PDB file of N, CA and C in Angstrom:
ATOM      1  N   MET A   1     -16.085 -19.730  26.437  1.00  0.00           N
ATOM      2  CA  MET A   1     -16.070 -20.254  25.249  1.00  0.00           C
ATOM      3  C   MET A   1     -17.412 -19.612  24.602  1.00  0.00           C
ATOM      4  N   ASP A   2     -17.253 -19.310  23.740  1.00  0.00           N
ATOM      5  CA  ASP A   2     -18.265 -17.964  23.287  1.00  0.00           C
ATOM      6  C   ASP A   2     -19.039 -19.363  22.004  1.00  0.00           C
ATOM      7  N   THR A   3     -20.963 -18.817  22.109  1.00  0.00           N
ATOM      8  CA  THR A   3     -20.972 -19.961  21.134  1.00  0.00           C
ATOM      9  C   THR A   3     -21.178 -19.092  19.453  1.00  0.00           C
ATOM     10  N   ILE A   4     -20.721 -19.330  18.645  1.00  0.00           N
ATOM     11  CA  ILE A   4     -20.475 -19.596  17.567  1.00  0.00           C
ATOM     12  C   ILE A   4     -21.891 -19.572  16.466  1.00  0.00           C
ATOM     13  N   THR A   5     -22.252 -20.545  16.416  1.00  0.00           N
ATOM     14  CA  THR A   5     -23.551 -20.477  15.886  1.00  0.00           C
ATOM     15  C   THR A   5     -24.212 -21.792  16.002  1.00  0.00           C
ATOM     16  N   VAL A   6     -25.444 -21.921  16.032  1.00  0.00           N
ATOM     17  CA  VAL A   6     -26.273 -23.058  15.944  1.00  0.00           C
ATOM     18  C   VAL A   6     -27.349 -23.268  14.828  1.00  0.00           C
ATOM     19  N   LEU A   7     -27.168 -24.443  14.191  1.00  0.00           N
ATOM     20  CA  LEU A   7     -27.863 -24.799  13.257  1.00  0.00           C
ATOM     21  C   LEU A   7     -28.682 -26.342  13.542  1.00  0.00           C
ATOM     22  N   HIS A   8     -30.023 -26.098  12.565  1.00  0.00           N
ATOM     23  CA  HIS A   8     -30.528 -27.419  13.114  1.00  0.00           C
ATOM     24  C   HIS A   8     -30.274 -28.588  12.128  1.00  0.00           C
ATOM     25  N   ALA A   9     -30.060 -29.544  12.686  1.00  0.00           N
ATOM     26  CA  ALA A   9     -29.845 -30.860  11.917  1.00  0.00           C
ATOM     27  C   ALA A   9     -30.613 -30.884  10.793  1.00  0.00           C
ATOM     28  N   SER A  10     -31.728 -30.553  10.429  1.00  0.00           N
ATOM     29  CA  SER A  10     -32.724 -30.649   9.001  1.00  0.00           C
ATOM     30  C   SER A  10     -32.434 -29.532   8.134  1.00  0.00           C
ATOM     31  N   ALA A  11     -31.004 -29.010   8.486  1.00  0.00           N
ATOM     32  CA  ALA A  11     -30.916 -27.746   8.155  1.00  0.00           C
ATOM     33  C   ALA A  11     -30.357 -28.028   6.001  1.00  0.00           C
ATOM     34  N   PRO A  12     -30.735 -28.008   5.187  1.00  0.00           N
ATOM     35  CA  PRO A  12     -29.501 -28.418   3.845  1.00  0.00           C
ATOM     36  C   PRO A  12     -28.085 -28.333   4.530  1.00  0.00           C
ATOM     37  N   GLY A  13     -27.303 -29.480   4.148  1.00  0.00           N
ATOM     38  CA  GLY A  13     -26.154 -29.812   4.166  1.00  0.00           C
ATOM     39  C   GLY A  13     -25.491 -29.069   5.268  1.00  0.00           C
ATOM     40  N   ALA A  14     -26.261 -29.361   6.674  1.00  0.00           N
ATOM     41  CA  ALA A  14     -26.285 -29.113   7.848  1.00  0.00           C
ATOM     42  C   ALA A  14     -24.257 -29.375   8.226  1.00  0.00           C
ATOM     43  N   PRO A  15     -24.545 -30.709   7.953  1.00  0.00           N
ATOM     44  CA  PRO A  15     -22.968 -30.965   8.837  1.00  0.00           C
ATOM     45  C   PRO A  15     -21.678 -30.694   8.013  1.00  0.00           C
ATOM     46  N   ALA A  16     -22.194 -30.626   6.777  1.00  0.00           N
ATOM     47  CA  ALA A  16     -21.151 -29.802   5.738  1.00  0.00           C
ATOM     48  C   ALA A  16     -20.848 -28.522   6.230  1.00  0.00           C
ATOM     49  N   ARG A  17     -22.002 -27.375   6.159  1.00  0.00           N
ATOM     50  CA  ARG A  17     -22.160 -26.259   6.609  1.00  0.00           C
ATOM     51  C   ARG A  17     -21.730 -25.891   8.218  1.00  0.00           C
ATOM     52  N   ILE A  18     -21.410 -26.876   9.398  1.00  0.00           N
ATOM     53  CA  ILE A  18     -21.313 -26.678  10.681  1.00  0.00           C
ATOM     54  C   ILE A  18     -19.217 -26.478   9.916  1.00  0.00           C
ATOM     55  N   ALA A  19     -18.891 -27.670   9.896  1.00  0.00           N
ATOM     56  CA  ALA A  19     -17.716 -27.809   9.426  1.00  0.00           C
ATOM     57  C   ALA A  19     -16.780 -26.642   8.569  1.00  0.00           C
ATOM     58  N   ALA A  20     -17.457 -26.379   7.811  1.00  0.00           N
ATOM     59  CA  ALA A  20     -17.165 -25.023   7.325  1.00  0.00           C
ATOM     60  C   ALA A  20     -16.974 -23.568   8.020  1.00  0.00           C
ATOM     61  N   ILE A  21     -18.034 -23.547   8.658  1.00  0.00           N
ATOM     62  CA  ILE A  21     -18.115 -22.673  10.188  1.00  0.00           C
ATOM     63  C   ILE A  21     -17.125 -22.762  10.760  1.00  0.00           C
ATOM     64  N   ALA A  22     -16.726 -23.908  11.429  1.00  0.00           N
ATOM     65  CA  ALA A  22     -16.002 -24.157  12.660  1.00  0.00           C
ATOM     66  C   ALA A  22     -14.082 -24.351  11.609  1.00  0.00           C
ATOM     67  N   ALA A  23     -13.996 -24.366  10.559  1.00  0.00           N
ATOM     68  CA  ALA A  23     -13.093 -23.755  10.510  1.00  0.00           C
ATOM     69  C   ALA A  23     -12.794 -22.292   9.430  1.00  0.00           C
ATOM     70  N   GLU A  24     -13.874 -21.708   9.674  1.00  0.00           N
ATOM     71  CA  GLU A  24     -14.083 -20.404   9.217  1.00  0.00           C
ATOM     72  C   GLU A  24     -12.961 -19.281  10.547  1.00  0.00           C
ATOM     73  N   ALA A  25     -13.850 -19.970  11.713  1.00  0.00           N
ATOM     74  CA  ALA A  25     -13.611 -19.927  13.380  1.00  0.00           C
ATOM     75  C   ALA A  25     -12.269 -19.807  13.540  1.00  0.00           C
ATOM     76  N   GLN A  26     -11.648 -20.892  13.054  1.00  0.00           N
ATOM     77  CA  GLN A  26     -10.672 -20.785  13.543  1.00  0.00           C
ATOM     78  C   GLN A  26      -9.350 -19.965  12.694  1.00  0.00           C
ATOM     79  N   ALA A  27      -9.877 -20.202  11.462  1.00  0.00           N
ATOM     80  CA  ALA A  27      -8.896 -18.899  10.416  1.00  0.00           C
ATOM     81  C   ALA A  27      -9.176 -17.185  10.774  1.00  0.00           C
ATOM     82  N   ASN A  28     -10.406 -17.629  11.939  1.00  0.00           N
ATOM     83  CA  ASN A  28     -10.639 -15.801  12.367  1.00  0.00           C
ATOM     84  C   ASN A  28     -10.668 -15.660  13.480  1.00  0.00           C
ATOM     85  N   GLY A  29      -9.591 -16.501  14.536  1.00  0.00           N
ATOM     86  CA  GLY A  29      -8.968 -15.648  15.928  1.00  0.00           C
ATOM     87  C   GLY A  29      -9.937 -16.273  16.955  1.00  0.00           C
ATOM     88  N   TYR A  30      -9.966 -17.958  16.671  1.00  0.00           N
ATOM     89  CA  TYR A  30     -10.642 -19.171  18.201  1.00  0.00           C
ATOM     90  C   TYR A  30      -9.292 -19.868  17.834  1.00  0.00           C
ATOM     91  N   ASP A  31      -9.079 -20.209  19.198  1.00  0.00           N
ATOM     92  CA  ASP A  31      -7.878 -20.908  19.101  1.00  0.00           C
ATOM     93  C   ASP A  31      -8.680 -22.483  19.210  1.00  0.00           C
ATOM     94  N   ARG A  32      -9.732 -22.845  20.587  1.00  0.00           N
ATOM     95  CA  ARG A  32      -9.907 -23.654  20.495  1.00  0.00           C
ATOM     96  C   ARG A  32     -11.332 -23.721  19.874  1.00  0.00           C
ATOM     97  N   VAL A  33     -11.780 -24.490  18.477  1.00  0.00           N
ATOM     98  CA  VAL A  33     -13.225 -24.572  18.323  1.00  0.00           C
ATOM     99  C   VAL A  33     -13.660 -25.847  18.352  1.00  0.00           C
ATOM    100  N   GLU A  34     -15.055 -26.018  18.895  1.00  0.00           N
ATOM    101  CA  GLU A  34     -15.502 -27.330  19.420  1.00  0.00           C
ATOM    102  C   GLU A  34     -16.738 -27.178  18.489  1.00  0.00           C
ATOM    103  N   THR A  35     -17.417 -28.606  17.853  1.00  0.00           N
ATOM    104  CA  THR A  35     -18.472 -29.034  16.963  1.00  0.00           C
ATOM    105  C   THR A  35     -19.095 -30.219  18.389  1.00  0.00           C
ATOM    106  N   ARG A  36     -20.409 -29.798  18.499  1.00  0.00           N
ATOM    107  CA  ARG A  36     -21.513 -31.070  18.965  1.00  0.00           C
ATOM    108  C   ARG A  36     -22.784 -30.776  18.355  1.00  0.00           C
ATOM    109  N   TYR A  37     -23.174 -32.002  18.684  1.00  0.00           N
ATOM    110  CA  TYR A  37     -24.769 -32.285  17.996  1.00  0.00           C
ATOM    111  C   TYR A  37     -24.983 -32.529  19.548  1.00  0.00           C
ATOM    112  N   GLU A  38     -26.795 -32.050  19.618  1.00  0.00           N
ATOM    113  CA  GLU A  38     -27.715 -32.033  21.011  1.00  0.00           C
ATOM    114  C   GLU A  38     -28.564 -32.362  20.589  1.00  0.00           C
ATOM    115  N   PRO A  39     -28.722 -33.565  20.160  1.00  0.00           N
ATOM    116  CA  PRO A  39     -29.833 -34.801  20.094  1.00  0.00           C
ATOM    117  C   PRO A  39     -31.380 -34.573  20.877  1.00  0.00           C
ATOM    118  N   PRO A  40     -31.257 -33.848  22.080  1.00  0.00           N
ATOM    119  CA  PRO A  40     -32.790 -33.699  22.435  1.00  0.00           C
ATOM    120  C   PRO A  40     -33.340 -32.438  21.739  1.00  0.00           C
ATOM    121  N   THR A  41     -32.296 -31.403  21.267  1.00  0.00           N
ATOM    122  CA  THR A  41     -32.692 -29.983  20.265  1.00  0.00           C
ATOM    123  C   THR A  41     -32.594 -30.478  18.671  1.00  0.00           C
ATOM    124  N   GLY A  42     -31.671 -31.328  18.490  1.00  0.00           N
ATOM    125  CA  GLY A  42     -31.817 -31.745  16.982  1.00  0.00           C
ATOM    126  C   GLY A  42     -31.043 -30.402  16.400  1.00  0.00           C
ATOM    127  N   THR A  43     -29.612 -30.164  17.148  1.00  0.00           N
ATOM    128  CA  THR A  43     -29.276 -29.208  17.025  1.00  0.00           C
ATOM    129  C   THR A  43     -27.445 -29.096  17.028  1.00  0.00           C
ATOM    130  N   TYR A  44     -26.954 -28.634  15.956  1.00  0.00           N
ATOM    131  CA  TYR A  44     -25.125 -28.453  15.640  1.00  0.00           C
ATOM    132  C   TYR A  44     -25.332 -27.090  16.479  1.00  0.00           C
ATOM    133  N   VAL A  45     -24.025 -27.409  17.405  1.00  0.00           N
ATOM    134  CA  VAL A  45     -23.776 -26.493  17.685  1.00  0.00           C
ATOM    135  C   VAL A  45     -22.265 -25.731  17.644  1.00  0.00           C
ATOM    136  N   VAL A  46     -21.430 -24.539  17.302  1.00  0.00           N
ATOM    137  CA  VAL A  46     -20.354 -24.646  17.101  1.00  0.00           C
ATOM    138  C   VAL A  46     -19.784 -23.489  18.489  1.00  0.00           C
ATOM    139  N   THR A  47     -18.624 -24.096  19.272  1.00  0.00           N
ATOM    140  CA  THR A  47     -18.509 -22.752  19.352  1.00  0.00           C
ATOM    141  C   THR A  47     -16.703 -23.204  19.861  1.00  0.00           C
ATOM    142  N   GLY A  48     -16.389 -21.372  20.472  1.00  0.00           N
ATOM    143  CA  GLY A  48     -14.766 -21.773  19.998  1.00  0.00           C
ATOM    144  C   GLY A  48     -14.076 -20.502  21.123  1.00  0.00           C
ATOM    145  N   GLU A  49     -13.144 -20.354  21.976  1.00  0.00           N
ATOM    146  CA  GLU A  49     -12.110 -20.031  22.531  1.00  0.00           C
ATOM    147  C   GLU A  49     -11.680 -18.996  22.101  1.00  0.00           C
ATOM    148  N   PRO A  50     -11.773 -17.144  21.781  1.00  0.00           N
ATOM    149  CA  PRO A  50     -11.358 -16.520  21.495  1.00  0.00           C
ATOM    150  C   PRO A  50      -9.755 -16.608  21.761  1.00  0.00           C
ATOM    151  N   THR A  51      -8.678 -16.160  20.914  1.00  0.00           N
ATOM    152  CA  THR A  51      -6.778 -16.039  20.962  1.00  0.00           C
ATOM    153  C   THR A  51      -7.556 -15.163  22.439  1.00  0.00           C
ATOM    154  N   ALA A  52      -6.181 -14.805  22.775  1.00  0.00           N
ATOM    155  CA  ALA A  52      -5.752 -14.162  23.903  1.00  0.00           C
ATOM    156  C   ALA A  52      -5.761 -12.554  23.528  1.00  0.00           C
ATOM    157  N   SER A  53      -5.272 -12.228  22.270  1.00  0.00           N
ATOM    158  CA  SER A  53      -5.258 -11.052  21.848  1.00  0.00           C
ATOM    159  C   SER A  53      -6.150 -10.356  20.737  1.00  0.00           C
ATOM    160  N   ARG A  54      -7.556 -11.089  21.757  1.00  0.00           N
ATOM    161  CA  ARG A  54      -9.187 -10.300  21.216  1.00  0.00           C
ATOM    162  C   ARG A  54      -9.883  -9.862  22.325  1.00  0.00           C
TER     163      ARG A  54
END
């Protein structure tokens, strides 16, 4: 899994921005995209598995 982005929860519009980044990753060649919130660091993380053709 590749880490696509990390965004701190205090960033303006963080949940919506994370959702948009995840959708864009799926549209641009990632088969499995996951988002998660990591409470210890206060960050959202988007990870993805590149398609086999990459």
